[in-house]
PDB file of N, CA and C in Angstrom:
ATOM      1  N   UNK A   1     200.798  91.451  80.829  1.00  0.00           N
ATOM      2  CA  UNK A   1     200.431  92.837  81.124  1.00  0.00           C
ATOM      3  C   UNK A   1     199.946  93.529  79.849  1.00  0.00           C
ATOM      4  N   UNK A   2     198.764  94.039  79.919  1.00  0.00           N
ATOM      5  CA  UNK A   2     198.190  94.710  78.750  1.00  0.00           C
ATOM      6  C   UNK A   2     198.825  96.085  78.552  1.00  0.00           C
ATOM      7  N   UNK A   3     198.830  96.524  77.340  1.00  0.00           N
ATOM      8  CA  UNK A   3     199.322  97.866  77.039  1.00  0.00           C
ATOM      9  C   UNK A   3     198.151  98.818  76.923  1.00  0.00           C
ATOM     10  N   UNK A   4     198.418 100.094  77.133  1.00  0.00           N
ATOM     11  CA  UNK A   4     197.372 101.090  76.982  1.00  0.00           C
ATOM     12  C   UNK A   4     197.944 102.311  76.281  1.00  0.00           C
ATOM     13  N   UNK A   5     197.044 103.106  75.729  1.00  0.00           N
ATOM     14  CA  UNK A   5     197.449 104.268  74.941  1.00  0.00           C
ATOM     15  C   UNK A   5     197.448 105.550  75.767  1.00  0.00           C
ATOM     16  N   UNK A   6     196.600 105.588  76.774  1.00  0.00           N
ATOM     17  CA  UNK A   6     196.481 106.794  77.578  1.00  0.00           C
ATOM     18  C   UNK A   6     196.140 106.404  79.005  1.00  0.00           C
ATOM     19  N   UNK A   7     196.609 107.196  79.958  1.00  0.00           N
ATOM     20  CA  UNK A   7     196.331 106.897  81.358  1.00  0.00           C
ATOM     21  C   UNK A   7     195.613 108.062  82.009  1.00  0.00           C
ATOM     22  N   UNK A   8     194.640 107.722  82.840  1.00  0.00           N
ATOM     23  CA  UNK A   8     193.868 108.724  83.571  1.00  0.00           C
ATOM     24  C   UNK A   8     193.956 108.388  85.049  1.00  0.00           C
ATOM     25  N   UNK A   9     194.507 109.295  85.833  1.00  0.00           N
ATOM     26  CA  UNK A   9     194.591 109.079  87.277  1.00  0.00           C
ATOM     27  C   UNK A   9     193.445 109.824  87.943  1.00  0.00           C
ATOM     28  N   UNK A  10     192.442 109.073  88.380  1.00  0.00           N
ATOM     29  CA  UNK A  10     191.269 109.666  89.023  1.00  0.00           C
ATOM     30  C   UNK A  10     191.286 109.402  90.528  1.00  0.00           C
ATOM     31  N   UNK A  11     192.483 109.178  91.078  1.00  0.00           N
ATOM     32  CA  UNK A  11     192.627 108.934  92.517  1.00  0.00           C
ATOM     33  C   UNK A  11     192.087 110.123  93.301  1.00  0.00           C
ATOM     34  N   UNK A  12     191.368 109.816  94.378  1.00  0.00           N
ATOM     35  CA  UNK A  12     190.851 110.869  95.245  1.00  0.00           C
ATOM     36  C   UNK A  12     189.553 111.483  94.745  1.00  0.00           C
ATOM     37  N   UNK A  13     189.127 111.119  93.555  1.00  0.00           N
ATOM     38  CA  UNK A  13     187.878 111.654  93.015  1.00  0.00           C
ATOM     39  C   UNK A  13     186.733 110.694  93.312  1.00  0.00           C
ATOM     40  N   UNK A  14     185.574 111.250  93.648  1.00  0.00           N
ATOM     41  CA  UNK A  14     184.415 110.411  93.918  1.00  0.00           C
ATOM     42  C   UNK A  14     183.441 110.456  92.746  1.00  0.00           C
ATOM     43  N   UNK A  15     182.586 109.447  92.709  1.00  0.00           N
ATOM     44  CA  UNK A  15     181.557 109.339  91.691  1.00  0.00           C
ATOM     45  C   UNK A  15     180.803 110.669  91.590  1.00  0.00           C
ATOM     46  N   UNK A  16     180.491 111.193  90.427  1.00  0.00           N
ATOM     47  CA  UNK A  16     180.702 110.575  89.109  1.00  0.00           C
ATOM     48  C   UNK A  16     181.959 111.080  88.394  1.00  0.00           C
ATOM     49  N   UNK A  17     182.861 111.744  89.098  1.00  0.00           N
ATOM     50  CA  UNK A  17     184.019 112.354  88.435  1.00  0.00           C
ATOM     51  C   UNK A  17     184.919 111.384  87.666  1.00  0.00           C
ATOM     52  N   UNK A  18     185.247 110.200  88.220  1.00  0.00           N
ATOM     53  CA  UNK A  18     186.096 109.294  87.420  1.00  0.00           C
ATOM     54  C   UNK A  18     185.463 108.937  86.073  1.00  0.00           C
ATOM     55  N   UNK A  19     184.143 108.716  86.077  1.00  0.00           N
ATOM     56  CA  UNK A  19     183.426 108.378  84.835  1.00  0.00           C
ATOM     57  C   UNK A  19     183.446 109.564  83.872  1.00  0.00           C
ATOM     58  N   UNK A  20     183.176 110.754  84.384  1.00  0.00           N
ATOM     59  CA  UNK A  20     183.145 111.949  83.534  1.00  0.00           C
ATOM     60  C   UNK A  20     184.508 112.208  82.906  1.00  0.00           C
ATOM     61  N   UNK A  21     185.556 112.038  83.698  1.00  0.00           N
ATOM     62  CA  UNK A  21     186.921 112.242  83.171  1.00  0.00           C
ATOM     63  C   UNK A  21     187.260 111.178  82.127  1.00  0.00           C
ATOM     64  N   UNK A  22     186.826 109.949  82.384  1.00  0.00           N
ATOM     65  CA  UNK A  22     187.077 108.849  81.442  1.00  0.00           C
ATOM     66  C   UNK A  22     186.345 109.104  80.132  1.00  0.00           C
ATOM     67  N   UNK A  23     185.108 109.578  80.246  1.00  0.00           N
ATOM     68  CA  UNK A  23     184.294 109.891  79.076  1.00  0.00           C
ATOM     69  C   UNK A  23     185.001 110.930  78.207  1.00  0.00           C
ATOM     70  N   UNK A  24     185.521 111.957  78.870  1.00  0.00           N
ATOM     71  CA  UNK A  24     186.209 113.045  78.175  1.00  0.00           C
ATOM     72  C   UNK A  24     187.490 112.531  77.504  1.00  0.00           C
ATOM     73  N   UNK A  25     188.239 111.709  78.223  1.00  0.00           N
ATOM     74  CA  UNK A  25     189.487 111.164  77.682  1.00  0.00           C
ATOM     75  C   UNK A  25     189.202 110.273  76.471  1.00  0.00           C
ATOM     76  N   UNK A  26     188.176 109.423  76.589  1.00  0.00           N
ATOM     77  CA  UNK A  26     187.827 108.514  75.496  1.00  0.00           C
ATOM     78  C   UNK A  26     187.363 109.277  74.262  1.00  0.00           C
ATOM     79  N   UNK A  27     186.710 110.401  74.476  1.00  0.00           N
ATOM     80  CA  UNK A  27     186.212 111.212  73.359  1.00  0.00           C
ATOM     81  C   UNK A  27     187.352 111.673  72.454  1.00  0.00           C
ATOM     82  N   UNK A  28     188.529 111.857  73.047  1.00  0.00           N
ATOM     83  CA  UNK A  28     189.668 112.322  72.274  1.00  0.00           C
ATOM     84  C   UNK A  28     190.549 111.209  71.731  1.00  0.00           C
ATOM     85  N   UNK A  29     190.102 109.970  71.912  1.00  0.00           N
ATOM     86  CA  UNK A  29     190.901 108.822  71.487  1.00  0.00           C
ATOM     87  C   UNK A  29     190.341 108.163  70.231  1.00  0.00           C
ATOM     88  N   UNK A  30     191.189 107.388  69.560  1.00  0.00           N
ATOM     89  CA  UNK A  30     190.778 106.653  68.365  1.00  0.00           C
ATOM     90  C   UNK A  30     190.082 105.356  68.771  1.00  0.00           C
ATOM     91  N   UNK A  31     189.201 104.881  67.914  1.00  0.00           N
ATOM     92  CA  UNK A  31     188.542 103.600  68.126  1.00  0.00           C
ATOM     93  C   UNK A  31     189.604 102.501  68.236  1.00  0.00           C
ATOM     94  N   UNK A  32     189.454 101.617  69.230  1.00  0.00           N
ATOM     95  CA  UNK A  32     190.406 100.530  69.413  1.00  0.00           C
ATOM     96  C   UNK A  32     191.531 100.857  70.379  1.00  0.00           C
ATOM     97  N   UNK A  33     191.682 102.136  70.711  1.00  0.00           N
ATOM     98  CA  UNK A  33     192.714 102.507  71.685  1.00  0.00           C
ATOM     99  C   UNK A  33     192.235 102.168  73.087  1.00  0.00           C
ATOM    100  N   UNK A  34     193.199 102.022  74.003  1.00  0.00           N
ATOM    101  CA  UNK A  34     192.881 101.599  75.365  1.00  0.00           C
ATOM    102  C   UNK A  34     193.229 102.693  76.372  1.00  0.00           C
ATOM    103  N   UNK A  35     192.270 102.966  77.242  1.00  0.00           N
ATOM    104  CA  UNK A  35     192.454 103.951  78.306  1.00  0.00           C
ATOM    105  C   UNK A  35     192.609 103.206  79.624  1.00  0.00           C
ATOM    106  N   UNK A  36     193.651 103.542  80.367  1.00  0.00           N
ATOM    107  CA  UNK A  36     193.853 102.956  81.697  1.00  0.00           C
ATOM    108  C   UNK A  36     193.408 103.995  82.714  1.00  0.00           C
ATOM    109  N   UNK A  37     192.571 103.572  83.641  1.00  0.00           N
ATOM    110  CA  UNK A  37     192.072 104.476  84.674  1.00  0.00           C
ATOM    111  C   UNK A  37     192.475 103.940  86.039  1.00  0.00           C
ATOM    112  N   UNK A  38     192.957 104.846  86.881  1.00  0.00           N
ATOM    113  CA  UNK A  38     193.269 104.496  88.271  1.00  0.00           C
ATOM    114  C   UNK A  38     192.306 105.306  89.136  1.00  0.00           C
ATOM    115  N   UNK A  39     191.591 104.617  90.022  1.00  0.00           N
ATOM    116  CA  UNK A  39     190.628 105.297  90.883  1.00  0.00           C
ATOM    117  C   UNK A  39     190.746 104.766  92.310  1.00  0.00           C
ATOM    118  N   UNK A  40     190.265 105.560  93.262  1.00  0.00           N
ATOM    119  CA  UNK A  40     190.304 105.123  94.661  1.00  0.00           C
ATOM    120  C   UNK A  40     188.893 104.927  95.217  1.00  0.00           C
ATOM    121  N   UNK A  41     187.874 105.333  94.455  1.00  0.00           N
ATOM    122  CA  UNK A  41     186.483 105.208  94.890  1.00  0.00           C
ATOM    123  C   UNK A  41     185.990 103.783  94.636  1.00  0.00           C
ATOM    124  N   UNK A  42     185.652 103.038  95.720  1.00  0.00           N
ATOM    125  CA  UNK A  42     185.185 101.653  95.542  1.00  0.00           C
ATOM    126  C   UNK A  42     183.953 101.567  94.639  1.00  0.00           C
ATOM    127  N   UNK A  43     183.146 102.610  94.615  1.00  0.00           N
ATOM    128  CA  UNK A  43     181.952 102.642  93.775  1.00  0.00           C
ATOM    129  C   UNK A  43     182.274 102.644  92.297  1.00  0.00           C
ATOM    130  N   UNK A  44     183.518 102.981  91.968  1.00  0.00           N
ATOM    131  CA  UNK A  44     183.893 103.077  90.557  1.00  0.00           C
ATOM    132  C   UNK A  44     183.873 101.714  89.862  1.00  0.00           C
ATOM    133  N   UNK A  45     183.990 100.626  90.635  1.00  0.00           N
ATOM    134  CA  UNK A  45     183.970  99.289  90.041  1.00  0.00           C
ATOM    135  C   UNK A  45     182.635  99.066  89.328  1.00  0.00           C
ATOM    136  N   UNK A  46     181.525  99.279  90.050  1.00  0.00           N
ATOM    137  CA  UNK A  46     180.192  99.129  89.457  1.00  0.00           C
ATOM    138  C   UNK A  46     179.957 100.204  88.396  1.00  0.00           C
ATOM    139  N   UNK A  47     180.444 101.406  88.667  1.00  0.00           N
ATOM    140  CA  UNK A  47     180.247 102.521  87.725  1.00  0.00           C
ATOM    141  C   UNK A  47     180.848 102.214  86.362  1.00  0.00           C
ATOM    142  N   UNK A  48     182.072 101.704  86.351  1.00  0.00           N
ATOM    143  CA  UNK A  48     182.731 101.446  85.074  1.00  0.00           C
ATOM    144  C   UNK A  48     182.126 100.246  84.343  1.00  0.00           C
ATOM    145  N   UNK A  49     181.605  99.280  85.109  1.00  0.00           N
ATOM    146  CA  UNK A  49     180.902  98.157  84.474  1.00  0.00           C
ATOM    147  C   UNK A  49     179.666  98.674  83.754  1.00  0.00           C
ATOM    148  N   UNK A  50     178.905  99.527  84.429  1.00  0.00           N
ATOM    149  CA  UNK A  50     177.686 100.101  83.853  1.00  0.00           C
ATOM    150  C   UNK A  50     178.029 101.017  82.680  1.00  0.00           C
ATOM    151  N   UNK A  51     179.085 101.805  82.854  1.00  0.00           N
ATOM    152  CA  UNK A  51     179.533 102.735  81.814  1.00  0.00           C
ATOM    153  C   UNK A  51     179.870 101.988  80.525  1.00  0.00           C
ATOM    154  N   UNK A  52     180.586 100.872  80.655  1.00  0.00           N
ATOM    155  CA  UNK A  52     180.979 100.079  79.492  1.00  0.00           C
ATOM    156  C   UNK A  52     179.743  99.517  78.788  1.00  0.00           C
ATOM    157  N   UNK A  53     178.783  99.015  79.572  1.00  0.00           N
ATOM    158  CA  UNK A  53     177.558  98.463  78.997  1.00  0.00           C
ATOM    159  C   UNK A  53     176.775  99.541  78.248  1.00  0.00           C
ATOM    160  N   UNK A  54     176.665 100.716  78.851  1.00  0.00           N
ATOM    161  CA  UNK A  54     175.870 101.800  78.268  1.00  0.00           C
ATOM    162  C   UNK A  54     176.505 102.394  77.018  1.00  0.00           C
ATOM    163  N   UNK A  55     177.824 102.454  76.989  1.00  0.00           N
ATOM    164  CA  UNK A  55     178.508 103.159  75.900  1.00  0.00           C
ATOM    165  C   UNK A  55     179.001 102.240  74.793  1.00  0.00           C
ATOM    166  N   UNK A  56     179.089 100.925  75.081  1.00  0.00           N
ATOM    167  CA  UNK A  56     179.583  99.994  74.079  1.00  0.00           C
ATOM    168  C   UNK A  56     181.097  99.856  74.089  1.00  0.00           C
ATOM    169  N   UNK A  57     181.774 100.628  74.959  1.00  0.00           N
ATOM    170  CA  UNK A  57     183.219 100.465  75.106  1.00  0.00           C
ATOM    171  C   UNK A  57     183.451  99.142  75.848  1.00  0.00           C
ATOM    172  N   UNK A  58     184.615  98.561  75.650  1.00  0.00           N
ATOM    173  CA  UNK A  58     184.894  97.261  76.249  1.00  0.00           C
ATOM    174  C   UNK A  58     185.748  97.404  77.503  1.00  0.00           C
ATOM    175  N   UNK A  59     185.230  96.876  78.619  1.00  0.00           N
ATOM    176  CA  UNK A  59     185.995  96.879  79.871  1.00  0.00           C
ATOM    177  C   UNK A  59     186.901  95.651  79.835  1.00  0.00           C
ATOM    178  N   UNK A  60     188.193  95.874  79.541  1.00  0.00           N
ATOM    179  CA  UNK A  60     189.139  94.770  79.389  1.00  0.00           C
ATOM    180  C   UNK A  60     189.611  94.241  80.722  1.00  0.00           C
ATOM    181  N   UNK A  61     189.688  95.134  81.696  1.00  0.00           N
ATOM    182  CA  UNK A  61     190.246  94.728  82.993  1.00  0.00           C
ATOM    183  C   UNK A  61     189.674  95.604  84.095  1.00  0.00           C
ATOM    184  N   UNK A  62     189.428  94.978  85.228  1.00  0.00           N
ATOM    185  CA  UNK A  62     188.974  95.684  86.418  1.00  0.00           C
ATOM    186  C   UNK A  62     189.582  94.953  87.598  1.00  0.00           C
ATOM    187  N   UNK A  63     190.506  95.622  88.293  1.00  0.00           N
ATOM    188  CA  UNK A  63     191.148  94.940  89.421  1.00  0.00           C
ATOM    189  C   UNK A  63     191.493  95.934  90.522  1.00  0.00           C
ATOM    190  N   UNK A  64     191.689  95.385  91.717  1.00  0.00           N
ATOM    191  CA  UNK A  64     192.088  96.225  92.839  1.00  0.00           C
ATOM    192  C   UNK A  64     193.502  95.853  93.230  1.00  0.00           C
ATOM    193  N   UNK A  65     194.288  96.866  93.509  1.00  0.00           N
ATOM    194  CA  UNK A  65     195.680  96.644  93.897  1.00  0.00           C
ATOM    195  C   UNK A  65     196.067  97.700  94.920  1.00  0.00           C
ATOM    196  N   UNK A  66     196.350  97.276  96.118  1.00  0.00           N
ATOM    197  CA  UNK A  66     196.792  98.203  97.154  1.00  0.00           C
ATOM    198  C   UNK A  66     195.833  99.347  97.412  1.00  0.00           C
ATOM    199  N   UNK A  67     194.530  99.041  97.420  1.00  0.00           N
ATOM    200  CA  UNK A  67     193.540 100.065  97.715  1.00  0.00           C
ATOM    201  C   UNK A  67     193.193 100.952  96.536  1.00  0.00           C
ATOM    202  N   UNK A  68     193.807 100.683  95.399  1.00  0.00           N
ATOM    203  CA  UNK A  68     193.480 101.440  94.192  1.00  0.00           C
ATOM    204  C   UNK A  68     192.834 100.510  93.178  1.00  0.00           C
ATOM    205  N   UNK A  69     191.935 101.073  92.398  1.00  0.00           N
ATOM    206  CA  UNK A  69     191.232 100.288  91.398  1.00  0.00           C
ATOM    207  C   UNK A  69     191.759 100.645  90.026  1.00  0.00           C
ATOM    208  N   UNK A  70     192.069  99.607  89.243  1.00  0.00           N
ATOM    209  CA  UNK A  70     192.628  99.801  87.916  1.00  0.00           C
ATOM    210  C   UNK A  70     191.646  99.277  86.873  1.00  0.00           C
ATOM    211  N   UNK A  71     191.407 100.077  85.854  1.00  0.00           N
ATOM    212  CA  UNK A  71     190.498  99.683  84.782  1.00  0.00           C
ATOM    213  C   UNK A  71     191.169  99.898  83.441  1.00  0.00           C
ATOM    214  N   UNK A  72     190.895  98.985  82.515  1.00  0.00           N
ATOM    215  CA  UNK A  72     191.336  99.175  81.132  1.00  0.00           C
ATOM    216  C   UNK A  72     190.084  99.181  80.283  1.00  0.00           C
ATOM    217  N   UNK A  73     189.867 100.261  79.562  1.00  0.00           N
ATOM    218  CA  UNK A  73     188.695 100.372  78.710  1.00  0.00           C
ATOM    219  C   UNK A  73     189.136 100.589  77.275  1.00  0.00           C
ATOM    220  N   UNK A  74     188.628  99.729  76.387  1.00  0.00           N
ATOM    221  CA  UNK A  74     188.951  99.829  74.970  1.00  0.00           C
ATOM    222  C   UNK A  74     187.832 100.612  74.277  1.00  0.00           C
ATOM    223  N   UNK A  75     188.232 101.663  73.584  1.00  0.00           N
ATOM    224  CA  UNK A  75     187.234 102.510  72.927  1.00  0.00           C
ATOM    225  C   UNK A  75     186.552 101.775  71.777  1.00  0.00           C
ATOM    226  N   UNK A  76     185.234 101.887  71.741  1.00  0.00           N
ATOM    227  CA  UNK A  76     184.442 101.222  70.692  1.00  0.00           C
ATOM    228  C   UNK A  76     184.680 101.868  69.348  1.00  0.00           C
TER     229      UNK A  76
END
């Protein structure tokens, strides 16, 4: 189980809100820290993959568990 420095619960939010909230959270974090995001929007899977590619942050984990999507993003 990976560790994370900050958690963002974006459950119930639809695109693009989970990404915008993640962007804001990452802005306040140190390089190398890990943000855990929980989302319920199935579209967020593709969104976070694209977000990581565009921003250079590393998507460490992307999984679905009980209808919720969990992401770990390491700040570049």
